[in-house]
Amino acid sequence: MTVRHHVGSAINRWSLGRNDNSLARYDPQTGGCRGGLEPGMVNQKQGAESTLALLIALLELRLAEQRERIGS
């Protein structure tokens, strides 16, 4: 596994709830990503920056997985 793959996996796990609050930032109902963590809660705003950052991390992770499968 590459460093990029490890970082992408960590970002995605963190967004899905493996963080200090054990709360997901990603909302599967809307497809959006909440802005950030606050003490004991998740910021409920789902701005474009947060959503795009998560989508880019997911895309990078998928691309890294594909490269590993084909041996590039």
Protein backbone atom coordinates (compact mmCIF):
# COMPACT_ATOMS: atom_id res chain seq x y z
CA MET A 1 0.00 0.00 0.00
CA THR A 2 1.20 3.46 -0.84
CA VAL A 3 1.38 6.45 1.49
CA ARG A 4 -1.38 8.08 -0.58
CA HIS A 5 -3.58 5.01 0.01
CA HIS A 6 -2.97 5.09 3.77
CA VAL A 7 -3.73 8.82 3.96
CA GLY A 8 -6.88 8.44 1.86
CA SER A 9 -8.08 5.57 4.02
CA ALA A 10 -7.45 7.56 7.21
CA ILE A 11 -9.33 10.59 5.89
CA ASN A 12 -12.28 8.48 4.88
CA ARG A 13 -12.38 6.58 8.18
CA TRP A 14 -12.19 9.90 10.06
CA SER A 15 -15.09 11.31 8.01
CA LEU A 16 -17.13 8.16 8.61
CA GLY A 17 -16.79 8.37 12.40
CA ARG A 18 -13.34 7.24 13.53
CA ASN A 19 -12.51 10.58 15.12
CA ASP A 20 -12.34 12.09 18.61
CA ASN A 21 -16.14 12.41 18.81
CA SER A 22 -16.94 9.05 17.16
CA LEU A 23 -19.36 10.96 14.91
CA ALA A 24 -19.58 10.82 11.12
CA ARG A 25 -19.13 13.97 9.07
CA TYR A 26 -20.42 12.24 5.93
CA ASP A 27 -24.22 12.18 5.56
CA PRO A 28 -25.33 9.25 3.37
CA GLN A 29 -28.85 10.68 3.02
CA THR A 30 -27.68 13.91 1.39
CA GLY A 31 -24.28 12.79 0.07
CA GLY A 32 -22.83 15.85 1.77
CA CYS A 33 -20.07 16.23 4.30
CA ARG A 34 -20.43 18.35 7.41
CA GLY A 35 -17.94 21.13 8.01
CA GLY A 36 -16.06 19.84 10.99
CA LEU A 37 -15.99 18.60 14.55
CA GLU A 38 -16.75 20.69 17.59
CA PRO A 39 -16.48 19.54 21.19
CA GLY A 40 -18.97 16.67 21.48
CA MET A 41 -20.74 17.37 18.20
CA VAL A 42 -20.46 17.73 14.44
CA ASN A 43 -20.93 21.10 12.77
CA GLN A 44 -24.18 20.64 10.82
CA LYS A 45 -23.25 22.88 7.88
CA GLN A 46 -22.64 20.91 4.67
CA GLY A 47 -20.69 23.29 2.52
CA ALA A 48 -19.22 22.64 -0.89
CA GLU A 49 -15.62 22.71 0.39
CA SER A 50 -16.16 19.90 2.90
CA THR A 51 -18.14 17.79 0.47
CA LEU A 52 -15.63 18.24 -2.35
CA ALA A 53 -12.70 17.48 -0.05
CA LEU A 54 -14.30 14.18 0.95
CA LEU A 55 -15.21 13.28 -2.63
CA ILE A 56 -11.65 13.98 -3.80
CA ALA A 57 -10.26 11.82 -0.98
CA LEU A 58 -12.65 9.00 -1.95
CA LEU A 59 -11.67 9.31 -5.61
CA GLU A 60 -7.95 9.24 -4.78
CA LEU A 61 -8.48 6.14 -2.66
CA ARG A 62 -10.35 4.35 -5.45
CA LEU A 63 -7.70 5.31 -8.00
CA ALA A 64 -4.94 4.03 -5.69
CA GLU A 65 -6.82 0.75 -5.25
CA GLN A 66 -7.19 0.37 -9.03
CA ARG A 67 -3.49 1.08 -9.60
CA GLU A 68 -2.57 -1.58 -7.03
CA ARG A 69 -4.83 -4.14 -8.73
CA ILE A 70 -3.34 -3.56 -12.19
CA GLY A 71 0.20 -3.24 -10.85
CA SER A 72 1.01 0.35 -11.86
